[in-house]
Amino acid sequence: MFWVYHNGKILPENEVSIPITDRSYLYGEGLFETMRVFDGSLPFFAEHIERLKSGMKALQFTYEFSESNLKSSLEQLLHKNNLQNASLRHP
């Protein structure tokens, strides 16, 4: 079992669902940023977030997260999944 970050919470993957009325499901809308994790750290985190925010602005998506809370949540997620070297994708 994997743990995932969804709507501001860390949940078991089997507890996450996307409503059938979600625009990403209905229209395939999405924006992804993949971050590489080395030895439990997130190098270039600020640059990843800037690209994510820029893409969200271009697509007129709402920006609803604080950078520090997101980083903390991702670090918790890595710990919960016992990962030191990984790739994270933020949709």
PDB file of N, CA and C in Angstrom:
ATOM      1  N   MET A   1       0.841  -1.179   0.000  1.00  0.00           N
ATOM      2  CA  MET A   1       0.000   0.000   0.000  1.00  0.00           C
ATOM      3  C   MET A   1       0.887   1.244   0.000  1.00  0.00           C
ATOM      4  N   PHE A   2       0.476   2.222  -0.770  1.00  0.00           N
ATOM      5  CA  PHE A   2       1.143   3.509  -0.807  1.00  0.00           C
ATOM      6  C   PHE A   2       0.272   4.553  -0.143  1.00  0.00           C
ATOM      7  N   TRP A   3       0.912   5.590   0.377  1.00  0.00           N
ATOM      8  CA  TRP A   3       0.232   6.745   0.917  1.00  0.00           C
ATOM      9  C   TRP A   3       0.336   7.857  -0.120  1.00  0.00           C
ATOM     10  N   VAL A   4      -0.728   8.650  -0.273  1.00  0.00           N
ATOM     11  CA  VAL A   4      -0.761   9.728  -1.255  1.00  0.00           C
ATOM     12  C   VAL A   4      -1.207  11.030  -0.594  1.00  0.00           C
ATOM     13  N   TYR A   5      -0.806  12.130  -1.206  1.00  0.00           N
ATOM     14  CA  TYR A   5      -1.228  13.459  -0.766  1.00  0.00           C
ATOM     15  C   TYR A   5      -2.390  13.871  -1.650  1.00  0.00           C
ATOM     16  N   HIS A   6      -3.556  14.109  -1.035  1.00  0.00           N
ATOM     17  CA  HIS A   6      -4.754  14.433  -1.810  1.00  0.00           C
ATOM     18  C   HIS A   6      -5.578  15.466  -1.049  1.00  0.00           C
ATOM     19  N   ASN A   7      -5.814  16.606  -1.680  1.00  0.00           N
ATOM     20  CA  ASN A   7      -6.614  17.677  -1.070  1.00  0.00           C
ATOM     21  C   ASN A   7      -6.133  18.052   0.328  1.00  0.00           C
ATOM     22  N   GLY A   8      -4.824  18.176   0.480  1.00  0.00           N
ATOM     23  CA  GLY A   8      -4.260  18.631   1.736  1.00  0.00           C
ATOM     24  C   GLY A   8      -4.115  17.574   2.810  1.00  0.00           C
ATOM     25  N   LYS A   9      -4.346  16.319   2.468  1.00  0.00           N
ATOM     26  CA  LYS A   9      -4.248  15.243   3.458  1.00  0.00           C
ATOM     27  C   LYS A   9      -3.395  14.106   2.912  1.00  0.00           C
ATOM     28  N   ILE A  10      -2.751  13.380   3.820  1.00  0.00           N
ATOM     29  CA  ILE A  10      -2.035  12.169   3.447  1.00  0.00           C
ATOM     30  C   ILE A  10      -2.944  10.996   3.770  1.00  0.00           C
ATOM     31  N   LEU A  11      -3.284  10.233   2.728  1.00  0.00           N
ATOM     32  CA  LEU A  11      -4.268   9.152   2.846  1.00  0.00           C
ATOM     33  C   LEU A  11      -3.742   7.876   2.205  1.00  0.00           C
ATOM     34  N   PRO A  12      -4.253   6.708   2.651  1.00  0.00           N
ATOM     35  CA  PRO A  12      -3.945   5.473   1.916  1.00  0.00           C
ATOM     36  C   PRO A  12      -4.511   5.591   0.507  1.00  0.00           C
ATOM     37  N   GLU A  13      -3.783   5.065  -0.459  1.00  0.00           N
ATOM     38  CA  GLU A  13      -4.197   5.212  -1.863  1.00  0.00           C
ATOM     39  C   GLU A  13      -5.608   4.701  -2.131  1.00  0.00           C
ATOM     40  N   ASN A  14      -6.052   3.692  -1.399  1.00  0.00           N
ATOM     41  CA  ASN A  14      -7.387   3.135  -1.654  1.00  0.00           C
ATOM     42  C   ASN A  14      -8.517   3.997  -1.085  1.00  0.00           C
ATOM     43  N   GLU A  15      -8.184   5.067  -0.363  1.00  0.00           N
ATOM     44  CA  GLU A  15      -9.214   5.961   0.168  1.00  0.00           C
ATOM     45  C   GLU A  15      -9.402   7.213  -0.676  1.00  0.00           C
ATOM     46  N   VAL A  16      -8.648   7.322  -1.762  1.00  0.00           N
ATOM     47  CA  VAL A  16      -8.721   8.510  -2.610  1.00  0.00           C
ATOM     48  C   VAL A  16      -9.623   8.221  -3.805  1.00  0.00           C
ATOM     49  N   SER A  17     -10.521   9.150  -4.061  1.00  0.00           N
ATOM     50  CA  SER A  17     -11.364   9.022  -5.254  1.00  0.00           C
ATOM     51  C   SER A  17     -11.532  10.396  -5.886  1.00  0.00           C
ATOM     52  N   ILE A  18     -11.806  10.380  -7.157  1.00  0.00           N
ATOM     53  CA  ILE A  18     -12.042  11.612  -7.904  1.00  0.00           C
ATOM     54  C   ILE A  18     -13.500  11.581  -8.354  1.00  0.00           C
ATOM     55  N   PRO A  19     -14.267  12.611  -8.022  1.00  0.00           N
ATOM     56  CA  PRO A  19     -15.682  12.631  -8.436  1.00  0.00           C
ATOM     57  C   PRO A  19     -15.812  12.575  -9.960  1.00  0.00           C
ATOM     58  N   ILE A  20     -16.818  11.916 -10.418  1.00  0.00           N
ATOM     59  CA  ILE A  20     -17.041  11.784 -11.860  1.00  0.00           C
ATOM     60  C   ILE A  20     -17.296  13.141 -12.512  1.00  0.00           C
ATOM     61  N   THR A  21     -17.663  14.137 -11.727  1.00  0.00           N
ATOM     62  CA  THR A  21     -17.907  15.488 -12.252  1.00  0.00           C
ATOM     63  C   THR A  21     -16.656  16.361 -12.244  1.00  0.00           C
ATOM     64  N   ASP A  22     -15.521  15.835 -11.813  1.00  0.00           N
ATOM     65  CA  ASP A  22     -14.274  16.591 -11.781  1.00  0.00           C
ATOM     66  C   ASP A  22     -13.836  16.918 -13.200  1.00  0.00           C
ATOM     67  N   ARG A  23     -13.399  18.161 -13.418  1.00  0.00           N
ATOM     68  CA  ARG A  23     -13.006  18.594 -14.770  1.00  0.00           C
ATOM     69  C   ARG A  23     -11.847  17.778 -15.326  1.00  0.00           C
ATOM     70  N   SER A  24     -10.944  17.317 -14.432  1.00  0.00           N
ATOM     71  CA  SER A  24      -9.823  16.503 -14.921  1.00  0.00           C
ATOM     72  C   SER A  24     -10.331  15.185 -15.491  1.00  0.00           C
ATOM     73  N   TYR A  25     -11.392  14.660 -14.917  1.00  0.00           N
ATOM     74  CA  TYR A  25     -11.983  13.416 -15.411  1.00  0.00           C
ATOM     75  C   TYR A  25     -12.812  13.677 -16.671  1.00  0.00           C
ATOM     76  N   LEU A  26     -13.634  14.718 -16.628  1.00  0.00           N
ATOM     77  CA  LEU A  26     -14.536  15.005 -17.752  1.00  0.00           C
ATOM     78  C   LEU A  26     -13.809  15.486 -19.003  1.00  0.00           C
ATOM     79  N   TYR A  27     -12.795  16.337 -18.821  1.00  0.00           N
ATOM     80  CA  TYR A  27     -12.174  16.992 -19.968  1.00  0.00           C
ATOM     81  C   TYR A  27     -10.686  16.710 -20.118  1.00  0.00           C
ATOM     82  N   GLY A  28     -10.127  15.953 -19.214  1.00  0.00           N
ATOM     83  CA  GLY A  28      -8.701  15.643 -19.283  1.00  0.00           C
ATOM     84  C   GLY A  28      -7.808  16.815 -18.936  1.00  0.00           C
ATOM     85  N   GLU A  29      -8.358  17.802 -18.215  1.00  0.00           N
ATOM     86  CA  GLU A  29      -7.553  18.949 -17.815  1.00  0.00           C
ATOM     87  C   GLU A  29      -6.552  18.521 -16.750  1.00  0.00           C
ATOM     88  N   GLY A  30      -5.348  19.026 -16.871  1.00  0.00           N
ATOM     89  CA  GLY A  30      -4.364  18.699 -15.857  1.00  0.00           C
ATOM     90  C   GLY A  30      -3.055  19.442 -16.081  1.00  0.00           C
ATOM     91  N   LEU A  31      -2.302  19.535 -15.015  1.00  0.00           N
ATOM     92  CA  LEU A  31      -0.980  20.143 -15.038  1.00  0.00           C
ATOM     93  C   LEU A  31      -0.132  19.331 -14.075  1.00  0.00           C
ATOM     94  N   PHE A  32       1.035  18.909 -14.506  1.00  0.00           N
ATOM     95  CA  PHE A  32       1.868  18.046 -13.686  1.00  0.00           C
ATOM     96  C   PHE A  32       3.260  18.616 -13.540  1.00  0.00           C
ATOM     97  N   GLU A  33       3.816  18.466 -12.369  1.00  0.00           N
ATOM     98  CA  GLU A  33       5.202  18.834 -12.100  1.00  0.00           C
ATOM     99  C   GLU A  33       5.828  17.652 -11.381  1.00  0.00           C
ATOM    100  N   THR A  34       6.890  17.104 -11.941  1.00  0.00           N
ATOM    101  CA  THR A  34       7.568  15.961 -11.342  1.00  0.00           C
ATOM    102  C   THR A  34       8.831  16.424 -10.641  1.00  0.00           C
ATOM    103  N   MET A  35       8.974  16.011  -9.383  1.00  0.00           N
ATOM    104  CA  MET A  35      10.125  16.386  -8.564  1.00  0.00           C
ATOM    105  C   MET A  35      10.919  15.137  -8.210  1.00  0.00           C
ATOM    106  N   ARG A  36      12.208  15.212  -8.379  1.00  0.00           N
ATOM    107  CA  ARG A  36      13.098  14.100  -8.029  1.00  0.00           C
ATOM    108  C   ARG A  36      13.551  14.274  -6.592  1.00  0.00           C
ATOM    109  N   VAL A  37      13.533  13.186  -5.847  1.00  0.00           N
ATOM    110  CA  VAL A  37      13.954  13.180  -4.443  1.00  0.00           C
ATOM    111  C   VAL A  37      15.285  12.442  -4.352  1.00  0.00           C
ATOM    112  N   PHE A  38      16.268  13.093  -3.727  1.00  0.00           N
ATOM    113  CA  PHE A  38      17.580  12.487  -3.521  1.00  0.00           C
ATOM    114  C   PHE A  38      17.877  12.481  -2.029  1.00  0.00           C
ATOM    115  N   ASP A  39      18.154  11.304  -1.498  1.00  0.00           N
ATOM    116  CA  ASP A  39      18.498  11.167  -0.082  1.00  0.00           C
ATOM    117  C   ASP A  39      17.500  11.882   0.824  1.00  0.00           C
ATOM    118  N   GLY A  40      16.222  11.773   0.492  1.00  0.00           N
ATOM    119  CA  GLY A  40      15.159  12.338   1.313  1.00  0.00           C
ATOM    120  C   GLY A  40      14.955  13.834   1.177  1.00  0.00           C
ATOM    121  N   SER A  41      15.695  14.491   0.287  1.00  0.00           N
ATOM    122  CA  SER A  41      15.531  15.936   0.129  1.00  0.00           C
ATOM    123  C   SER A  41      14.945  16.260  -1.246  1.00  0.00           C
ATOM    124  N   LEU A  42      14.367  17.438  -1.339  1.00  0.00           N
ATOM    125  CA  LEU A  42      13.715  17.905  -2.573  1.00  0.00           C
ATOM    126  C   LEU A  42      14.541  19.037  -3.188  1.00  0.00           C
ATOM    127  N   PRO A  43      15.590  18.701  -3.960  1.00  0.00           N
ATOM    128  CA  PRO A  43      16.384  19.775  -4.570  1.00  0.00           C
ATOM    129  C   PRO A  43      15.543  20.547  -5.590  1.00  0.00           C
ATOM    130  N   PHE A  44      15.817  21.815  -5.702  1.00  0.00           N
ATOM    131  CA  PHE A  44      15.136  22.695  -6.668  1.00  0.00           C
ATOM    132  C   PHE A  44      13.638  22.809  -6.409  1.00  0.00           C
ATOM    133  N   PHE A  45      13.223  22.634  -5.155  1.00  0.00           N
ATOM    134  CA  PHE A  45      11.798  22.712  -4.814  1.00  0.00           C
ATOM    135  C   PHE A  45      11.204  24.052  -5.248  1.00  0.00           C
ATOM    136  N   ALA A  46      11.891  25.149  -4.944  1.00  0.00           N
ATOM    137  CA  ALA A  46      11.375  26.481  -5.281  1.00  0.00           C
ATOM    138  C   ALA A  46      11.159  26.626  -6.794  1.00  0.00           C
ATOM    139  N   GLU A  47      12.093  26.096  -7.583  1.00  0.00           N
ATOM    140  CA  GLU A  47      11.963  26.179  -9.037  1.00  0.00           C
ATOM    141  C   GLU A  47      10.774  25.346  -9.535  1.00  0.00           C
ATOM    142  N   HIS A  48      10.576  24.178  -8.942  1.00  0.00           N
ATOM    143  CA  HIS A  48       9.424  23.349  -9.307  1.00  0.00           C
ATOM    144  C   HIS A  48       8.119  24.091  -9.018  1.00  0.00           C
ATOM    145  N   ILE A  49       8.050  24.705  -7.844  1.00  0.00           N
ATOM    146  CA  ILE A  49       6.833  25.417  -7.455  1.00  0.00           C
ATOM    147  C   ILE A  49       6.577  26.606  -8.372  1.00  0.00           C
ATOM    148  N   GLU A  50       7.621  27.326  -8.747  1.00  0.00           N
ATOM    149  CA  GLU A  50       7.442  28.459  -9.660  1.00  0.00           C
ATOM    150  C   GLU A  50       6.889  27.996 -11.010  1.00  0.00           C
ATOM    151  N   ARG A  51       7.404  26.871 -11.529  1.00  0.00           N
ATOM    152  CA  ARG A  51       6.876  26.331 -12.793  1.00  0.00           C
ATOM    153  C   ARG A  51       5.417  25.913 -12.615  1.00  0.00           C
ATOM    154  N   LEU A  52       5.114  25.277 -11.494  1.00  0.00           N
ATOM    155  CA  LEU A  52       3.747  24.842 -11.222  1.00  0.00           C
ATOM    156  C   LEU A  52       2.801  26.041 -11.158  1.00  0.00           C
ATOM    157  N   LYS A  53       3.193  27.078 -10.434  1.00  0.00           N
ATOM    158  CA  LYS A  53       2.345  28.276 -10.320  1.00  0.00           C
ATOM    159  C   LYS A  53       2.181  28.963 -11.672  1.00  0.00           C
ATOM    160  N   SER A  54       3.245  29.020 -12.452  1.00  0.00           N
ATOM    161  CA  SER A  54       3.179  29.646 -13.769  1.00  0.00           C
ATOM    162  C   SER A  54       2.207  28.890 -14.678  1.00  0.00           C
ATOM    163  N   GLY A  55       2.304  27.569 -14.662  1.00  0.00           N
ATOM    164  CA  GLY A  55       1.388  26.757 -15.461  1.00  0.00           C
ATOM    165  C   GLY A  55      -0.052  26.897 -15.008  1.00  0.00           C
ATOM    166  N   MET A  56      -0.250  26.951 -13.692  1.00  0.00           N
ATOM    167  CA  MET A  56      -1.606  27.109 -13.158  1.00  0.00           C
ATOM    168  C   MET A  56      -2.201  28.447 -13.582  1.00  0.00           C
ATOM    169  N   LYS A  57      -1.374  29.483 -13.559  1.00  0.00           N
ATOM    170  CA  LYS A  57      -1.849  30.800 -13.982  1.00  0.00           C
ATOM    171  C   LYS A  57      -2.229  30.786 -15.463  1.00  0.00           C
ATOM    172  N   ALA A  58      -1.382  30.177 -16.288  1.00  0.00           N
ATOM    173  CA  ALA A  58      -1.652  30.123 -17.728  1.00  0.00           C
ATOM    174  C   ALA A  58      -2.942  29.361 -18.035  1.00  0.00           C
ATOM    175  N   LEU A  59      -3.220  28.318 -17.251  1.00  0.00           N
ATOM    176  CA  LEU A  59      -4.418  27.516 -17.473  1.00  0.00           C
ATOM    177  C   LEU A  59      -5.621  28.012 -16.673  1.00  0.00           C
ATOM    178  N   GLN A  60      -5.430  29.101 -15.938  1.00  0.00           N
ATOM    179  CA  GLN A  60      -6.475  29.700 -15.103  1.00  0.00           C
ATOM    180  C   GLN A  60      -6.983  28.732 -14.036  1.00  0.00           C
ATOM    181  N   PHE A  61      -6.050  27.947 -13.464  1.00  0.00           N
ATOM    182  CA  PHE A  61      -6.373  27.070 -12.345  1.00  0.00           C
ATOM    183  C   PHE A  61      -6.203  27.863 -11.057  1.00  0.00           C
ATOM    184  N   THR A  62      -6.958  27.517 -10.040  1.00  0.00           N
ATOM    185  CA  THR A  62      -6.864  28.173  -8.743  1.00  0.00           C
ATOM    186  C   THR A  62      -5.675  27.629  -7.972  1.00  0.00           C
ATOM    187  N   TYR A  63      -4.892  28.524  -7.409  1.00  0.00           N
ATOM    188  CA  TYR A  63      -3.712  28.168  -6.613  1.00  0.00           C
ATOM    189  C   TYR A  63      -4.153  28.148  -5.155  1.00  0.00           C
ATOM    190  N   GLU A  64      -4.239  26.955  -4.548  1.00  0.00           N
ATOM    191  CA  GLU A  64      -4.810  26.839  -3.208  1.00  0.00           C
ATOM    192  C   GLU A  64      -3.887  26.165  -2.203  1.00  0.00           C
ATOM    193  N   PHE A  65      -2.590  26.320  -2.320  1.00  0.00           N
ATOM    194  CA  PHE A  65      -1.693  25.690  -1.355  1.00  0.00           C
ATOM    195  C   PHE A  65      -0.567  26.641  -0.981  1.00  0.00           C
ATOM    196  N   SER A  66      -0.072  26.496   0.249  1.00  0.00           N
ATOM    197  CA  SER A  66       1.087  27.277   0.658  1.00  0.00           C
ATOM    198  C   SER A  66       2.322  26.432   0.362  1.00  0.00           C
ATOM    199  N   GLU A  67       3.363  27.079  -0.101  1.00  0.00           N
ATOM    200  CA  GLU A  67       4.580  26.358  -0.474  1.00  0.00           C
ATOM    201  C   GLU A  67       5.178  25.618   0.721  1.00  0.00           C
ATOM    202  N   SER A  68       5.200  26.255   1.880  1.00  0.00           N
ATOM    203  CA  SER A  68       5.796  25.606   3.054  1.00  0.00           C
ATOM    204  C   SER A  68       4.960  24.416   3.508  1.00  0.00           C
ATOM    205  N   ASN A  69       3.637  24.539   3.464  1.00  0.00           N
ATOM    206  CA  ASN A  69       2.783  23.402   3.837  1.00  0.00           C
ATOM    207  C   ASN A  69       2.918  22.260   2.836  1.00  0.00           C
ATOM    208  N   LEU A  70       3.021  22.598   1.558  1.00  0.00           N
ATOM    209  CA  LEU A  70       3.181  21.561   0.540  1.00  0.00           C
ATOM    210  C   LEU A  70       4.507  20.827   0.741  1.00  0.00           C
ATOM    211  N   LYS A  71       5.585  21.563   0.952  1.00  0.00           N
ATOM    212  CA  LYS A  71       6.881  20.927   1.146  1.00  0.00           C
ATOM    213  C   LYS A  71       6.863  20.029   2.373  1.00  0.00           C
ATOM    214  N   SER A  72       6.299  20.513   3.452  1.00  0.00           N
ATOM    215  CA  SER A  72       6.201  19.719   4.675  1.00  0.00           C
ATOM    216  C   SER A  72       5.378  18.451   4.436  1.00  0.00           C
ATOM    217  N   SER A  73       4.266  18.584   3.729  1.00  0.00           N
ATOM    218  CA  SER A  73       3.409  17.429   3.436  1.00  0.00           C
ATOM    219  C   SER A  73       4.129  16.416   2.558  1.00  0.00           C
ATOM    220  N   LEU A  74       4.883  16.896   1.576  1.00  0.00           N
ATOM    221  CA  LEU A  74       5.621  15.983   0.706  1.00  0.00           C
ATOM    222  C   LEU A  74       6.714  15.257   1.483  1.00  0.00           C
ATOM    223  N   GLU A  75       7.376  15.965   2.401  1.00  0.00           N
ATOM    224  CA  GLU A  75       8.386  15.319   3.241  1.00  0.00           C
ATOM    225  C   GLU A  75       7.751  14.254   4.137  1.00  0.00           C
ATOM    226  N   GLN A  76       6.574  14.548   4.688  1.00  0.00           N
ATOM    227  CA  GLN A  76       5.843  13.564   5.494  1.00  0.00           C
ATOM    228  C   GLN A  76       5.438  12.362   4.653  1.00  0.00           C
ATOM    229  N   LEU A  77       5.022  12.634   3.428  1.00  0.00           N
ATOM    230  CA  LEU A  77       4.625  11.568   2.514  1.00  0.00           C
ATOM    231  C   LEU A  77       5.799  10.646   2.204  1.00  0.00           C
ATOM    232  N   LEU A  78       6.951  11.227   1.959  1.00  0.00           N
ATOM    233  CA  LEU A  78       8.154  10.425   1.710  1.00  0.00           C
ATOM    234  C   LEU A  78       8.470   9.544   2.919  1.00  0.00           C
ATOM    235  N   HIS A  79       8.383  10.134   4.106  1.00  0.00           N
ATOM    236  CA  HIS A  79       8.657   9.376   5.331  1.00  0.00           C
ATOM    237  C   HIS A  79       7.645   8.244   5.507  1.00  0.00           C
ATOM    238  N   LYS A  80       6.370   8.547   5.309  1.00  0.00           N
ATOM    239  CA  LYS A  80       5.297   7.549   5.477  1.00  0.00           C
ATOM    240  C   LYS A  80       5.474   6.376   4.506  1.00  0.00           C
ATOM    241  N   ASN A  81       5.970   6.660   3.298  1.00  0.00           N
ATOM    242  CA  ASN A  81       6.197   5.615   2.299  1.00  0.00           C
ATOM    243  C   ASN A  81       7.605   5.024   2.379  1.00  0.00           C
ATOM    244  N   ASN A  82       8.383   5.500   3.355  1.00  0.00           N
ATOM    245  CA  ASN A  82       9.745   5.007   3.562  1.00  0.00           C
ATOM    246  C   ASN A  82      10.602   5.159   2.295  1.00  0.00           C
ATOM    247  N   LEU A  83      10.559   6.343   1.698  1.00  0.00           N
ATOM    248  CA  LEU A  83      11.289   6.610   0.459  1.00  0.00           C
ATOM    249  C   LEU A  83      12.389   7.637   0.687  1.00  0.00           C
ATOM    250  N   GLN A  84      13.580   7.367   0.203  1.00  0.00           N
ATOM    251  CA  GLN A  84      14.700   8.293   0.251  1.00  0.00           C
ATOM    252  C   GLN A  84      15.062   8.817  -1.131  1.00  0.00           C
ATOM    253  N   ASN A  85      14.822   8.005  -2.141  1.00  0.00           N
ATOM    254  CA  ASN A  85      15.107   8.361  -3.532  1.00  0.00           C
ATOM    255  C   ASN A  85      13.870   7.986  -4.339  1.00  0.00           C
ATOM    256  N   ALA A  86      13.245   8.999  -4.923  1.00  0.00           N
ATOM    257  CA  ALA A  86      11.974   8.760  -5.594  1.00  0.00           C
ATOM    258  C   ALA A  86      11.664   9.903  -6.555  1.00  0.00           C
ATOM    259  N   SER A  87      10.560   9.774  -7.251  1.00  0.00           N
ATOM    260  CA  SER A  87      10.010  10.861  -8.057  1.00  0.00           C
ATOM    261  C   SER A  87       8.619  11.152  -7.544  1.00  0.00           C
ATOM    262  N   LEU A  88       8.327  12.419  -7.352  1.00  0.00           N
ATOM    263  CA  LEU A  88       6.993  12.847  -6.932  1.00  0.00           C
ATOM    264  C   LEU A  88       6.369  13.622  -8.075  1.00  0.00           C
ATOM    265  N   ARG A  89       5.113  13.355  -8.312  1.00  0.00           N
ATOM    266  CA  ARG A  89       4.395  14.125  -9.341  1.00  0.00           C
ATOM    267  C   ARG A  89       3.271  14.864  -8.663  1.00  0.00           C
ATOM    268  N   HIS A  90       3.232  16.147  -8.890  1.00  0.00           N
ATOM    269  CA  HIS A  90       2.188  16.981  -8.287  1.00  0.00           C
ATOM    270  C   HIS A  90       1.194  17.378  -9.358  1.00  0.00           C
ATOM    271  N   PRO A  91       0.011  16.793  -9.289  1.00  0.00           N
ATOM    272  CA  PRO A  91      -1.032  17.238 -10.230  1.00  0.00           C
ATOM    273  C   PRO A  91      -1.808  18.395  -9.663  1.00  0.00           C
TER     274      PRO A  91
END
